[in-house]
PDB file of N, CA and C in Angstrom:
ATOM      1  N   UNK A   1      58.830 -34.989 238.057  1.00  0.00           N
ATOM      2  CA  UNK A   1      58.673 -34.389 236.766  1.00  0.00           C
ATOM      3  C   UNK A   1      57.389 -33.570 236.636  1.00  0.00           C
ATOM      4  N   UNK A   2      56.672 -33.236 237.698  1.00  0.00           N
ATOM      5  CA  UNK A   2      55.473 -32.424 237.570  1.00  0.00           C
ATOM      6  C   UNK A   2      55.759 -31.055 236.965  1.00  0.00           C
ATOM      7  N   UNK A   3      56.924 -30.466 237.256  1.00  0.00           N
ATOM      8  CA  UNK A   3      57.243 -29.138 236.726  1.00  0.00           C
ATOM      9  C   UNK A   3      57.309 -29.176 235.205  1.00  0.00           C
ATOM     10  N   UNK A   4      57.949 -30.197 234.648  1.00  0.00           N
ATOM     11  CA  UNK A   4      58.051 -30.314 233.203  1.00  0.00           C
ATOM     12  C   UNK A   4      56.677 -30.525 232.592  1.00  0.00           C
ATOM     13  N   UNK A   5      55.836 -31.317 233.237  1.00  0.00           N
ATOM     14  CA  UNK A   5      54.498 -31.554 232.705  1.00  0.00           C
ATOM     15  C   UNK A   5      53.703 -30.254 232.645  1.00  0.00           C
ATOM     16  N   UNK A   6      53.781 -29.451 233.688  1.00  0.00           N
ATOM     17  CA  UNK A   6      53.078 -28.168 233.701  1.00  0.00           C
ATOM     18  C   UNK A   6      53.652 -27.246 232.645  1.00  0.00           C
ATOM     19  N   UNK A   7      54.988 -27.174 232.547  1.00  0.00           N
ATOM     20  CA  UNK A   7      55.633 -26.318 231.561  1.00  0.00           C
ATOM     21  C   UNK A   7      55.302 -26.804 230.153  1.00  0.00           C
ATOM     22  N   UNK A   8      55.362 -28.110 229.942  1.00  0.00           N
ATOM     23  CA  UNK A   8      55.071 -28.654 228.618  1.00  0.00           C
ATOM     24  C   UNK A   8      53.639 -28.331 228.217  1.00  0.00           C
ATOM     25  N   UNK A   9      52.709 -28.460 229.137  1.00  0.00           N
ATOM     26  CA  UNK A   9      51.310 -28.149 228.843  1.00  0.00           C
ATOM     27  C   UNK A   9      51.159 -26.674 228.478  1.00  0.00           C
ATOM     28  N   UNK A  10      51.828 -25.803 229.207  1.00  0.00           N
ATOM     29  CA  UNK A  10      51.761 -24.370 228.920  1.00  0.00           C
ATOM     30  C   UNK A  10      52.350 -24.061 227.557  1.00  0.00           C
ATOM     31  N   UNK A  11      53.494 -24.662 227.256  1.00  0.00           N
ATOM     32  CA  UNK A  11      54.147 -24.393 225.979  1.00  0.00           C
ATOM     33  C   UNK A  11      53.342 -24.971 224.824  1.00  0.00           C
ATOM     34  N   UNK A  12      52.734 -26.138 225.028  1.00  0.00           N
ATOM     35  CA  UNK A  12      51.888 -26.704 223.983  1.00  0.00           C
ATOM     36  C   UNK A  12      50.698 -25.798 223.710  1.00  0.00           C
ATOM     37  N   UNK A  13      50.160 -25.204 224.747  1.00  0.00           N
ATOM     38  CA  UNK A  13      49.042 -24.280 224.574  1.00  0.00           C
ATOM     39  C   UNK A  13      49.467 -23.060 223.761  1.00  0.00           C
ATOM     40  N   UNK A  14      50.743 -22.718 223.801  1.00  0.00           N
ATOM     41  CA  UNK A  14      51.265 -21.587 223.048  1.00  0.00           C
ATOM     42  C   UNK A  14      51.766 -22.005 221.670  1.00  0.00           C
ATOM     43  N   UNK A  15      51.624 -23.277 221.322  1.00  0.00           N
ATOM     44  CA  UNK A  15      52.036 -23.736 220.003  1.00  0.00           C
ATOM     45  C   UNK A  15      53.468 -24.230 219.946  1.00  0.00           C
ATOM     46  N   UNK A  16      54.075 -24.524 221.066  1.00  0.00           N
ATOM     47  CA  UNK A  16      55.440 -25.014 221.107  1.00  0.00           C
ATOM     48  C   UNK A  16      55.404 -26.519 221.314  1.00  0.00           C
ATOM     49  N   UNK A  17      56.283 -27.237 220.647  1.00  0.00           N
ATOM     50  CA  UNK A  17      56.256 -28.686 220.736  1.00  0.00           C
ATOM     51  C   UNK A  17      56.796 -29.181 222.072  1.00  0.00           C
ATOM     52  N   UNK A  18      56.372 -30.371 222.458  1.00  0.00           N
ATOM     53  CA  UNK A  18      56.858 -30.992 223.685  1.00  0.00           C
ATOM     54  C   UNK A  18      58.365 -31.209 223.601  1.00  0.00           C
ATOM     55  N   UNK A  19      58.863 -31.599 222.431  1.00  0.00           N
ATOM     56  CA  UNK A  19      60.310 -31.799 222.271  1.00  0.00           C
ATOM     57  C   UNK A  19      61.068 -30.510 222.545  1.00  0.00           C
ATOM     58  N   UNK A  20      60.568 -29.384 222.060  1.00  0.00           N
ATOM     59  CA  UNK A  20      61.217 -28.094 222.308  1.00  0.00           C
ATOM     60  C   UNK A  20      61.144 -27.741 223.779  1.00  0.00           C
ATOM     61  N   UNK A  21      60.016 -28.035 224.421  1.00  0.00           N
ATOM     62  CA  UNK A  21      59.864 -27.755 225.852  1.00  0.00           C
ATOM     63  C   UNK A  21      60.880 -28.538 226.665  1.00  0.00           C
ATOM     64  N   UNK A  22      61.142 -29.779 226.282  1.00  0.00           N
ATOM     65  CA  UNK A  22      62.097 -30.596 227.016  1.00  0.00           C
ATOM     66  C   UNK A  22      63.529 -30.182 226.709  1.00  0.00           C
ATOM     67  N   UNK A  23      63.786 -29.708 225.486  1.00  0.00           N
ATOM     68  CA  UNK A  23      65.123 -29.291 225.097  1.00  0.00           C
ATOM     69  C   UNK A  23      65.514 -27.969 225.736  1.00  0.00           C
ATOM     70  N   UNK A  24      64.562 -27.049 225.867  1.00  0.00           N
ATOM     71  CA  UNK A  24      64.818 -25.713 226.380  1.00  0.00           C
ATOM     72  C   UNK A  24      63.924 -25.414 227.584  1.00  0.00           C
ATOM     73  N   UNK A  25      64.041 -26.169 228.680  1.00  0.00           N
ATOM     74  CA  UNK A  25      63.106 -25.986 229.785  1.00  0.00           C
ATOM     75  C   UNK A  25      63.166 -24.623 230.456  1.00  0.00           C
ATOM     76  N   UNK A  26      64.275 -23.909 230.395  1.00  0.00           N
ATOM     77  CA  UNK A  26      64.382 -22.616 231.074  1.00  0.00           C
ATOM     78  C   UNK A  26      64.050 -21.449 230.174  1.00  0.00           C
ATOM     79  N   UNK A  27      63.715 -21.699 228.941  1.00  0.00           N
ATOM     80  CA  UNK A  27      63.489 -20.659 227.954  1.00  0.00           C
ATOM     81  C   UNK A  27      62.226 -19.862 228.247  1.00  0.00           C
ATOM     82  N   UNK A  28      62.315 -18.551 228.015  1.00  0.00           N
ATOM     83  CA  UNK A  28      61.140 -17.700 228.207  1.00  0.00           C
ATOM     84  C   UNK A  28      60.121 -18.025 227.125  1.00  0.00           C
ATOM     85  N   UNK A  29      58.863 -17.871 227.457  1.00  0.00           N
ATOM     86  CA  UNK A  29      57.794 -18.087 226.492  1.00  0.00           C
ATOM     87  C   UNK A  29      57.034 -16.788 226.296  1.00  0.00           C
ATOM     88  N   UNK A  30      56.325 -16.668 225.179  1.00  0.00           N
ATOM     89  CA  UNK A  30      55.595 -15.434 224.923  1.00  0.00           C
ATOM     90  C   UNK A  30      54.520 -15.197 225.954  1.00  0.00           C
ATOM     91  N   UNK A  31      54.165 -13.949 226.201  1.00  0.00           N
ATOM     92  CA  UNK A  31      53.068 -13.675 227.123  1.00  0.00           C
ATOM     93  C   UNK A  31      51.784 -14.275 226.576  1.00  0.00           C
ATOM     94  N   UNK A  32      50.965 -14.830 227.464  1.00  0.00           N
ATOM     95  CA  UNK A  32      49.767 -15.522 227.018  1.00  0.00           C
ATOM     96  C   UNK A  32      48.715 -14.583 226.481  1.00  0.00           C
ATOM     97  N   UNK A  33      48.761 -13.307 226.794  1.00  0.00           N
ATOM     98  CA  UNK A  33      47.756 -12.375 226.323  1.00  0.00           C
ATOM     99  C   UNK A  33      47.966 -11.901 224.894  1.00  0.00           C
ATOM    100  N   UNK A  34      49.175 -12.043 224.357  1.00  0.00           N
ATOM    101  CA  UNK A  34      49.462 -11.557 223.015  1.00  0.00           C
ATOM    102  C   UNK A  34      49.157 -12.645 221.998  1.00  0.00           C
ATOM    103  N   UNK A  35      48.467 -12.287 220.951  1.00  0.00           N
ATOM    104  CA  UNK A  35      48.085 -13.280 219.941  1.00  0.00           C
ATOM    105  C   UNK A  35      48.818 -13.007 218.644  1.00  0.00           C
ATOM    106  N   UNK A  36      49.319 -14.072 218.023  1.00  0.00           N
ATOM    107  CA  UNK A  36      49.933 -13.965 216.708  1.00  0.00           C
ATOM    108  C   UNK A  36      48.850 -14.242 215.684  1.00  0.00           C
ATOM    109  N   UNK A  37      48.601 -13.294 214.822  1.00  0.00           N
ATOM    110  CA  UNK A  37      47.599 -13.493 213.787  1.00  0.00           C
ATOM    111  C   UNK A  37      48.170 -14.374 212.695  1.00  0.00           C
ATOM    112  N   UNK A  38      47.316 -15.083 211.998  1.00  0.00           N
ATOM    113  CA  UNK A  38      47.752 -15.991 210.951  1.00  0.00           C
ATOM    114  C   UNK A  38      48.472 -15.225 209.841  1.00  0.00           C
ATOM    115  N   UNK A  39      47.982 -14.058 209.453  1.00  0.00           N
ATOM    116  CA  UNK A  39      48.673 -13.250 208.450  1.00  0.00           C
ATOM    117  C   UNK A  39      48.589 -11.791 208.875  1.00  0.00           C
ATOM    118  N   UNK A  40      49.539 -11.370 209.639  1.00  0.00           N
ATOM    119  CA  UNK A  40      49.565 -10.011 210.169  1.00  0.00           C
ATOM    120  C   UNK A  40      49.974  -9.043 209.062  1.00  0.00           C
ATOM    121  N   UNK A  41      49.439  -7.822 209.069  1.00  0.00           N
ATOM    122  CA  UNK A  41      49.817  -6.861 208.029  1.00  0.00           C
ATOM    123  C   UNK A  41      51.307  -6.505 208.036  1.00  0.00           C
ATOM    124  N   UNK A  42      52.004  -6.742 209.140  1.00  0.00           N
ATOM    125  CA  UNK A  42      53.441  -6.471 209.181  1.00  0.00           C
ATOM    126  C   UNK A  42      54.261  -7.656 208.666  1.00  0.00           C
ATOM    127  N   UNK A  43      53.637  -8.784 208.363  1.00  0.00           N
ATOM    128  CA  UNK A  43      54.373  -9.936 207.819  1.00  0.00           C
ATOM    129  C   UNK A  43      55.014  -9.529 206.498  1.00  0.00           C
ATOM    130  N   UNK A  44      56.208 -10.057 206.232  1.00  0.00           N
ATOM    131  CA  UNK A  44      56.908  -9.753 204.992  1.00  0.00           C
ATOM    132  C   UNK A  44      58.379  -9.462 205.261  1.00  0.00           C
ATOM    133  N   UNK A  45      59.042  -8.887 204.285  1.00  0.00           N
ATOM    134  CA  UNK A  45      60.481  -8.635 204.345  1.00  0.00           C
ATOM    135  C   UNK A  45      60.770  -7.225 204.839  1.00  0.00           C
ATOM    136  N   UNK A  46      61.670  -7.141 205.848  1.00  0.00           N
ATOM    137  CA  UNK A  46      62.114  -5.865 206.426  1.00  0.00           C
ATOM    138  C   UNK A  46      63.630  -5.843 206.348  1.00  0.00           C
ATOM    139  N   UNK A  47      64.214  -4.727 205.847  1.00  0.00           N
ATOM    140  CA  UNK A  47      65.641  -4.677 205.519  1.00  0.00           C
ATOM    141  C   UNK A  47      66.234  -3.347 205.968  1.00  0.00           C
ATOM    142  N   UNK A  48      67.472  -3.381 206.488  1.00  0.00           N
ATOM    143  CA  UNK A  48      68.173  -2.134 206.805  1.00  0.00           C
ATOM    144  C   UNK A  48      68.519  -1.429 205.496  1.00  0.00           C
ATOM    145  N   UNK A  49      68.766  -0.120 205.564  1.00  0.00           N
ATOM    146  CA  UNK A  49      69.052   0.675 204.365  1.00  0.00           C
ATOM    147  C   UNK A  49      70.228   0.118 203.574  1.00  0.00           C
ATOM    148  N   UNK A  50      71.233  -0.426 204.265  1.00  0.00           N
ATOM    149  CA  UNK A  50      72.392  -0.975 203.565  1.00  0.00           C
ATOM    150  C   UNK A  50      72.188  -2.431 203.122  1.00  0.00           C
ATOM    151  N   UNK A  51      71.041  -3.014 203.458  1.00  0.00           N
ATOM    152  CA  UNK A  51      70.741  -4.391 203.048  1.00  0.00           C
ATOM    153  C   UNK A  51      71.422  -5.469 203.857  1.00  0.00           C
ATOM    154  N   UNK A  52      72.218  -5.092 204.842  1.00  0.00           N
ATOM    155  CA  UNK A  52      72.988  -6.072 205.609  1.00  0.00           C
ATOM    156  C   UNK A  52      72.109  -6.951 206.504  1.00  0.00           C
ATOM    157  N   UNK A  53      71.095  -6.389 207.137  1.00  0.00           N
ATOM    158  CA  UNK A  53      70.220  -7.149 208.038  1.00  0.00           C
ATOM    159  C   UNK A  53      68.844  -7.247 207.389  1.00  0.00           C
ATOM    160  N   UNK A  54      68.352  -8.483 207.302  1.00  0.00           N
ATOM    161  CA  UNK A  54      67.066  -8.730 206.662  1.00  0.00           C
ATOM    162  C   UNK A  54      66.210  -9.610 207.553  1.00  0.00           C
ATOM    163  N   UNK A  55      65.017  -9.138 207.891  1.00  0.00           N
ATOM    164  CA  UNK A  55      64.058  -9.916 208.686  1.00  0.00           C
ATOM    165  C   UNK A  55      62.901 -10.309 207.778  1.00  0.00           C
ATOM    166  N   UNK A  56      62.657 -11.595 207.691  1.00  0.00           N
ATOM    167  CA  UNK A  56      61.460 -12.061 206.990  1.00  0.00           C
ATOM    168  C   UNK A  56      60.472 -12.518 208.056  1.00  0.00           C
ATOM    169  N   UNK A  57      59.382 -11.762 208.237  1.00  0.00           N
ATOM    170  CA  UNK A  57      58.335 -12.116 209.185  1.00  0.00           C
ATOM    171  C   UNK A  57      57.324 -12.959 208.424  1.00  0.00           C
ATOM    172  N   UNK A  58      57.319 -14.244 208.721  1.00  0.00           N
ATOM    173  CA  UNK A  58      56.454 -15.171 208.003  1.00  0.00           C
ATOM    174  C   UNK A  58      55.053 -15.191 208.592  1.00  0.00           C
ATOM    175  N   UNK A  59      54.037 -15.408 207.753  1.00  0.00           N
ATOM    176  CA  UNK A  59      52.686 -15.585 208.294  1.00  0.00           C
ATOM    177  C   UNK A  59      52.693 -16.755 209.272  1.00  0.00           C
ATOM    178  N   UNK A  60      51.961 -16.663 210.324  1.00  0.00           N
ATOM    179  CA  UNK A  60      51.921 -17.752 211.295  1.00  0.00           C
ATOM    180  C   UNK A  60      52.882 -17.584 212.453  1.00  0.00           C
ATOM    181  N   UNK A  61      53.680 -16.494 212.449  1.00  0.00           N
ATOM    182  CA  UNK A  61      54.477 -16.190 213.627  1.00  0.00           C
ATOM    183  C   UNK A  61      55.913 -16.682 213.657  1.00  0.00           C
ATOM    184  N   UNK A  62      56.477 -17.138 212.558  1.00  0.00           N
ATOM    185  CA  UNK A  62      57.898 -17.510 212.509  1.00  0.00           C
ATOM    186  C   UNK A  62      58.657 -16.402 211.786  1.00  0.00           C
ATOM    187  N   UNK A  63      59.972 -16.299 212.077  1.00  0.00           N
ATOM    188  CA  UNK A  63      60.795 -15.331 211.353  1.00  0.00           C
ATOM    189  C   UNK A  63      62.128 -15.946 210.986  1.00  0.00           C
ATOM    190  N   UNK A  64      62.746 -15.359 209.963  1.00  0.00           N
ATOM    191  CA  UNK A  64      64.092 -15.727 209.527  1.00  0.00           C
ATOM    192  C   UNK A  64      64.881 -14.427 209.425  1.00  0.00           C
ATOM    193  N   UNK A  65      66.064 -14.413 210.028  1.00  0.00           N
ATOM    194  CA  UNK A  65      66.903 -13.214 209.963  1.00  0.00           C
ATOM    195  C   UNK A  65      68.190 -13.555 209.244  1.00  0.00           C
ATOM    196  N   UNK A  66      68.521 -12.730 208.248  1.00  0.00           N
ATOM    197  CA  UNK A  66      69.776 -12.866 207.514  1.00  0.00           C
ATOM    198  C   UNK A  66      70.682 -11.706 207.898  1.00  0.00           C
ATOM    199  N   UNK A  67      71.988 -11.984 207.966  1.00  0.00           N
ATOM    200  CA  UNK A  67      72.979 -10.946 208.266  1.00  0.00           C
ATOM    201  C   UNK A  67      74.109 -11.087 207.269  1.00  0.00           C
ATOM    202  N   UNK A  68      74.286 -10.082 206.427  1.00  0.00           N
ATOM    203  CA  UNK A  68      75.330 -10.141 205.404  1.00  0.00           C
ATOM    204  C   UNK A  68      75.098 -11.333 204.487  1.00  0.00           C
ATOM    205  N   UNK A  69      76.133 -12.147 204.311  1.00  0.00           N
ATOM    206  CA  UNK A  69      76.040 -13.329 203.448  1.00  0.00           C
ATOM    207  C   UNK A  69      75.401 -14.523 204.143  1.00  0.00           C
ATOM    208  N   UNK A  70      75.206 -14.407 205.447  1.00  0.00           N
ATOM    209  CA  UNK A  70      74.631 -15.507 206.233  1.00  0.00           C
ATOM    210  C   UNK A  70      73.100 -15.432 206.177  1.00  0.00           C
ATOM    211  N   UNK A  71      72.511 -16.213 205.278  1.00  0.00           N
ATOM    212  CA  UNK A  71      71.073 -16.134 205.026  1.00  0.00           C
ATOM    213  C   UNK A  71      70.220 -16.560 206.208  1.00  0.00           C
ATOM    214  N   UNK A  72      70.616 -17.544 206.949  1.00  0.00           N
ATOM    215  CA  UNK A  72      69.797 -18.075 208.048  1.00  0.00           C
ATOM    216  C   UNK A  72      70.509 -17.868 209.376  1.00  0.00           C
ATOM    217  N   UNK A  73      70.882 -16.630 209.655  1.00  0.00           N
ATOM    218  CA  UNK A  73      71.643 -16.323 210.859  1.00  0.00           C
ATOM    219  C   UNK A  73      70.844 -16.614 212.121  1.00  0.00           C
ATOM    220  N   UNK A  74      69.573 -16.227 212.140  1.00  0.00           N
ATOM    221  CA  UNK A  74      68.719 -16.446 213.306  1.00  0.00           C
ATOM    222  C   UNK A  74      67.330 -16.862 212.838  1.00  0.00           C
ATOM    223  N   UNK A  75      66.763 -17.816 213.533  1.00  0.00           N
ATOM    224  CA  UNK A  75      65.410 -18.305 213.245  1.00  0.00           C
ATOM    225  C   UNK A  75      64.643 -18.333 214.546  1.00  0.00           C
ATOM    226  N   UNK A  76      63.351 -18.102 214.476  1.00  0.00           N
ATOM    227  CA  UNK A  76      62.562 -18.162 215.694  1.00  0.00           C
ATOM    228  C   UNK A  76      61.120 -17.799 215.444  1.00  0.00           C
ATOM    229  N   UNK A  77      60.474 -17.344 216.510  1.00  0.00           N
ATOM    230  CA  UNK A  77      59.079 -16.949 216.388  1.00  0.00           C
ATOM    231  C   UNK A  77      58.919 -15.512 216.859  1.00  0.00           C
ATOM    232  N   UNK A  78      57.811 -14.923 216.466  1.00  0.00           N
ATOM    233  CA  UNK A  78      57.525 -13.547 216.863  1.00  0.00           C
ATOM    234  C   UNK A  78      56.045 -13.413 217.171  1.00  0.00           C
ATOM    235  N   UNK A  79      55.736 -12.390 217.936  1.00  0.00           N
ATOM    236  CA  UNK A  79      54.358 -11.992 218.185  1.00  0.00           C
ATOM    237  C   UNK A  79      54.276 -10.485 218.093  1.00  0.00           C
ATOM    238  N   UNK A  80      53.192 -10.013 217.494  1.00  0.00           N
ATOM    239  CA  UNK A  80      52.964  -8.579 217.357  1.00  0.00           C
ATOM    240  C   UNK A  80      51.703  -8.217 218.119  1.00  0.00           C
ATOM    241  N   UNK A  81      51.843  -7.233 218.983  1.00  0.00           N
ATOM    242  CA  UNK A  81      50.706  -6.683 219.711  1.00  0.00           C
ATOM    243  C   UNK A  81      50.675  -5.195 219.410  1.00  0.00           C
ATOM    244  N   UNK A  82      49.648  -4.765 218.693  1.00  0.00           N
ATOM    245  CA  UNK A  82      49.607  -3.371 218.255  1.00  0.00           C
ATOM    246  C   UNK A  82      50.749  -3.109 217.297  1.00  0.00           C
ATOM    247  N   UNK A  83      51.626  -2.170 217.655  1.00  0.00           N
ATOM    248  CA  UNK A  83      52.800  -1.855 216.837  1.00  0.00           C
ATOM    249  C   UNK A  83      54.090  -2.349 217.478  1.00  0.00           C
ATOM    250  N   UNK A  84      53.999  -3.238 218.452  1.00  0.00           N
ATOM    251  CA  UNK A  84      55.165  -3.767 219.164  1.00  0.00           C
ATOM    252  C   UNK A  84      55.392  -5.222 218.751  1.00  0.00           C
ATOM    253  N   UNK A  85      56.654  -5.581 218.509  1.00  0.00           N
ATOM    254  CA  UNK A  85      57.005  -6.954 218.138  1.00  0.00           C
ATOM    255  C   UNK A  85      57.937  -7.538 219.190  1.00  0.00           C
ATOM    256  N   UNK A  86      57.695  -8.782 219.551  1.00  0.00           N
ATOM    257  CA  UNK A  86      58.557  -9.560 220.447  1.00  0.00           C
ATOM    258  C   UNK A  86      59.109 -10.727 219.652  1.00  0.00           C
ATOM    259  N   UNK A  87      60.417 -10.969 219.780  1.00  0.00           N
ATOM    260  CA  UNK A  87      61.084 -12.080 219.098  1.00  0.00           C
ATOM    261  C   UNK A  87      61.582 -13.086 220.131  1.00  0.00           C
ATOM    262  N   UNK A  88      61.483 -14.373 219.821  1.00  0.00           N
ATOM    263  CA  UNK A  88      62.084 -15.449 220.601  1.00  0.00           C
ATOM    264  C   UNK A  88      62.844 -16.314 219.610  1.00  0.00           C
ATOM    265  N   UNK A  89      64.179 -16.197 219.595  1.00  0.00           N
ATOM    266  CA  UNK A  89      64.905 -17.014 218.628  1.00  0.00           C
ATOM    267  C   UNK A  89      65.049 -18.427 219.168  1.00  0.00           C
ATOM    268  N   UNK A  90      65.293 -19.365 218.263  1.00  0.00           N
ATOM    269  CA  UNK A  90      65.290 -20.779 218.617  1.00  0.00           C
ATOM    270  C   UNK A  90      66.403 -21.172 219.595  1.00  0.00           C
ATOM    271  N   UNK A  91      67.389 -20.295 219.791  1.00  0.00           N
ATOM    272  CA  UNK A  91      68.449 -20.579 220.763  1.00  0.00           C
ATOM    273  C   UNK A  91      68.109 -20.048 222.152  1.00  0.00           C
ATOM    274  N   UNK A  92      66.974 -19.321 222.270  1.00  0.00           N
ATOM    275  CA  UNK A  92      66.562 -18.785 223.560  1.00  0.00           C
ATOM    276  C   UNK A  92      66.768 -17.294 223.707  1.00  0.00           C
ATOM    277  N   UNK A  93      67.408 -16.637 222.739  1.00  0.00           N
ATOM    278  CA  UNK A  93      67.622 -15.194 222.779  1.00  0.00           C
ATOM    279  C   UNK A  93      66.291 -14.482 222.551  1.00  0.00           C
ATOM    280  N   UNK A  94      66.063 -13.392 223.267  1.00  0.00           N
ATOM    281  CA  UNK A  94      64.836 -12.615 223.072  1.00  0.00           C
ATOM    282  C   UNK A  94      65.181 -11.187 222.673  1.00  0.00           C
ATOM    283  N   UNK A  95      64.286 -10.561 221.941  1.00  0.00           N
ATOM    284  CA  UNK A  95      64.465  -9.171 221.519  1.00  0.00           C
ATOM    285  C   UNK A  95      63.088  -8.589 221.241  1.00  0.00           C
ATOM    286  N   UNK A  96      63.065  -7.286 221.010  1.00  0.00           N
ATOM    287  CA  UNK A  96      61.791  -6.659 220.672  1.00  0.00           C
ATOM    288  C   UNK A  96      62.038  -5.462 219.774  1.00  0.00           C
ATOM    289  N   UNK A  97      60.957  -4.862 219.319  1.00  0.00           N
ATOM    290  CA  UNK A  97      61.043  -3.692 218.469  1.00  0.00           C
ATOM    291  C   UNK A  97      59.683  -3.043 218.348  1.00  0.00           C
ATOM    292  N   UNK A  98      59.651  -1.944 217.613  1.00  0.00           N
ATOM    293  CA  UNK A  98      58.414  -1.206 217.412  1.00  0.00           C
ATOM    294  C   UNK A  98      58.310  -0.742 215.966  1.00  0.00           C
ATOM    295  N   UNK A  99      57.111  -0.810 215.431  1.00  0.00           N
ATOM    296  CA  UNK A  99      56.811  -0.284 214.112  1.00  0.00           C
ATOM    297  C   UNK A  99      56.336   1.151 214.305  1.00  0.00           C
ATOM    298  N   UNK A 100      57.112   2.097 213.765  1.00  0.00           N
ATOM    299  CA  UNK A 100      56.809   3.518 213.924  1.00  0.00           C
ATOM    300  C   UNK A 100      56.864   4.168 212.548  1.00  0.00           C
ATOM    301  N   UNK A 101      55.766   4.756 212.148  1.00  0.00           N
ATOM    302  CA  UNK A 101      55.747   5.462 210.859  1.00  0.00           C
ATOM    303  C   UNK A 101      56.112   4.588 209.678  1.00  0.00           C
ATOM    304  N   UNK A 102      55.736   3.320 209.705  1.00  0.00           N
ATOM    305  CA  UNK A 102      55.988   2.430 208.572  1.00  0.00           C
ATOM    306  C   UNK A 102      57.371   1.805 208.534  1.00  0.00           C
ATOM    307  N   UNK A 103      58.169   2.006 209.585  1.00  0.00           N
ATOM    308  CA  UNK A 103      59.482   1.356 209.655  1.00  0.00           C
ATOM    309  C   UNK A 103      59.583   0.574 210.961  1.00  0.00           C
ATOM    310  N   UNK A 104      60.451  -0.431 210.976  1.00  0.00           N
ATOM    311  CA  UNK A 104      60.672  -1.270 212.151  1.00  0.00           C
ATOM    312  C   UNK A 104      61.928  -0.806 212.870  1.00  0.00           C
ATOM    313  N   UNK A 105      61.777  -0.415 214.124  1.00  0.00           N
ATOM    314  CA  UNK A 105      62.906  -0.033 214.980  1.00  0.00           C
ATOM    315  C   UNK A 105      63.208  -1.229 215.862  1.00  0.00           C
ATOM    316  N   UNK A 106      64.414  -1.793 215.696  1.00  0.00           N
ATOM    317  CA  UNK A 106      64.775  -3.033 216.400  1.00  0.00           C
ATOM    318  C   UNK A 106      66.268  -3.025 216.716  1.00  0.00           C
ATOM    319  N   UNK A 107      66.594  -3.112 217.999  1.00  0.00           N
ATOM    320  CA  UNK A 107      67.997  -3.235 218.412  1.00  0.00           C
ATOM    321  C   UNK A 107      68.902  -2.139 217.887  1.00  0.00           C
ATOM    322  N   UNK A 108      68.424  -0.907 217.859  1.00  0.00           N
ATOM    323  CA  UNK A 108      69.236   0.201 217.364  1.00  0.00           C
ATOM    324  C   UNK A 108      69.280   0.303 215.850  1.00  0.00           C
ATOM    325  N   UNK A 109      68.582  -0.583 215.159  1.00  0.00           N
ATOM    326  CA  UNK A 109      68.540  -0.572 213.693  1.00  0.00           C
ATOM    327  C   UNK A 109      67.176  -0.082 213.232  1.00  0.00           C
ATOM    328  N   UNK A 110      67.147   0.404 212.010  1.00  0.00           N
ATOM    329  CA  UNK A 110      65.883   0.754 211.365  1.00  0.00           C
ATOM    330  C   UNK A 110      65.765  -0.114 210.120  1.00  0.00           C
ATOM    331  N   UNK A 111      64.662  -0.849 210.054  1.00  0.00           N
ATOM    332  CA  UNK A 111      64.413  -1.735 208.921  1.00  0.00           C
ATOM    333  C   UNK A 111      63.204  -1.233 208.144  1.00  0.00           C
ATOM    334  N   UNK A 112      63.324  -1.274 206.819  1.00  0.00           N
ATOM    335  CA  UNK A 112      62.290  -0.784 205.931  1.00  0.00           C
ATOM    336  C   UNK A 112      61.631  -1.961 205.223  1.00  0.00           C
ATOM    337  N   UNK A 113      60.344  -1.835 204.982  1.00  0.00           N
ATOM    338  CA  UNK A 113      59.627  -2.894 204.280  1.00  0.00           C
ATOM    339  C   UNK A 113      60.126  -2.959 202.835  1.00  0.00           C
ATOM    340  N   UNK A 114      60.484  -4.169 202.379  1.00  0.00           N
ATOM    341  CA  UNK A 114      61.001  -4.365 201.020  1.00  0.00           C
ATOM    342  C   UNK A 114      60.341  -5.593 200.395  1.00  0.00           C
ATOM    343  N   UNK A 115      59.072  -5.511 200.032  1.00  0.00           N
ATOM    344  CA  UNK A 115      58.372  -6.678 199.491  1.00  0.00           C
ATOM    345  C   UNK A 115      59.008  -7.233 198.224  1.00  0.00           C
ATOM    346  N   UNK A 116      59.676  -6.375 197.449  1.00  0.00           N
ATOM    347  CA  UNK A 116      60.299  -6.847 196.206  1.00  0.00           C
ATOM    348  C   UNK A 116      61.452  -7.817 196.469  1.00  0.00           C
ATOM    349  N   UNK A 117      62.001  -7.825 197.693  1.00  0.00           N
ATOM    350  CA  UNK A 117      63.109  -8.725 198.022  1.00  0.00           C
ATOM    351  C   UNK A 117      62.594 -10.089 198.517  1.00  0.00           C
ATOM    352  N   UNK A 118      61.321 -10.195 198.791  1.00  0.00           N
ATOM    353  CA  UNK A 118      60.744 -11.413 199.364  1.00  0.00           C
ATOM    354  C   UNK A 118      60.978 -12.633 198.467  1.00  0.00           C
ATOM    355  N   UNK A 119      60.657 -12.530 197.197  1.00  0.00           N
ATOM    356  CA  UNK A 119      60.750 -13.680 196.288  1.00  0.00           C
ATOM    357  C   UNK A 119      62.199 -14.113 196.062  1.00  0.00           C
ATOM    358  N   UNK A 120      63.127 -13.176 196.055  1.00  0.00           N
ATOM    359  CA  UNK A 120      64.527 -13.487 195.765  1.00  0.00           C
ATOM    360  C   UNK A 120      65.260 -14.092 196.958  1.00  0.00           C
ATOM    361  N   UNK A 121      64.771 -13.865 198.169  1.00  0.00           N
ATOM    362  CA  UNK A 121      65.470 -14.323 199.375  1.00  0.00           C
ATOM    363  C   UNK A 121      65.365 -15.842 199.506  1.00  0.00           C
ATOM    364  N   UNK A 122      66.451 -16.453 199.928  1.00  0.00           N
ATOM    365  CA  UNK A 122      66.475 -17.890 200.162  1.00  0.00           C
ATOM    366  C   UNK A 122      65.721 -18.235 201.425  1.00  0.00           C
ATOM    367  N   UNK A 123      64.920 -19.281 201.399  1.00  0.00           N
ATOM    368  CA  UNK A 123      64.201 -19.754 202.593  1.00  0.00           C
ATOM    369  C   UNK A 123      65.127 -20.619 203.428  1.00  0.00           C
ATOM    370  N   UNK A 124      65.025 -20.487 204.717  1.00  0.00           N
ATOM    371  CA  UNK A 124      65.849 -21.267 205.641  1.00  0.00           C
ATOM    372  C   UNK A 124      65.232 -22.642 205.876  1.00  0.00           C
TER     373      UNK A 124
END
C-alpha cells in the first residue's frame, strides 16, 4: 500500500480528503503549481445566453453546474491560473476554459457573468 500512502499524502496536500483519495485512486489531480485563491475575482455565477447551462464558481475552489432543470448536474472543484480555468468534477471528469473579454469560453459554450442570478439559484 505504499502507492496509496504517497498518493493520499499528495492529495491531502492539495486539499483532497483521504476518503476521496481511496475512492478515486486513478483520478487526475490539479497541477501543484496552480493556486486557488480563497475569493477569486471570477467567482460567481456564469450563464449561457439561453440560460440552459449555469456555472456557479464558489469561493474556495468548488463549483456547481446546472443544466436545464437539473440544478446539480455536476459538482467539483476548479482552479484558475491567470485567465485559464481547470475543472475536476467529483466523478473524475476534467475540463477547462478561458476567460476572454469578460466572458467564459468553456467546451464550445460562452458563459456570461450573471451576479443577479446568484441569490435565486438553488445550492447543491
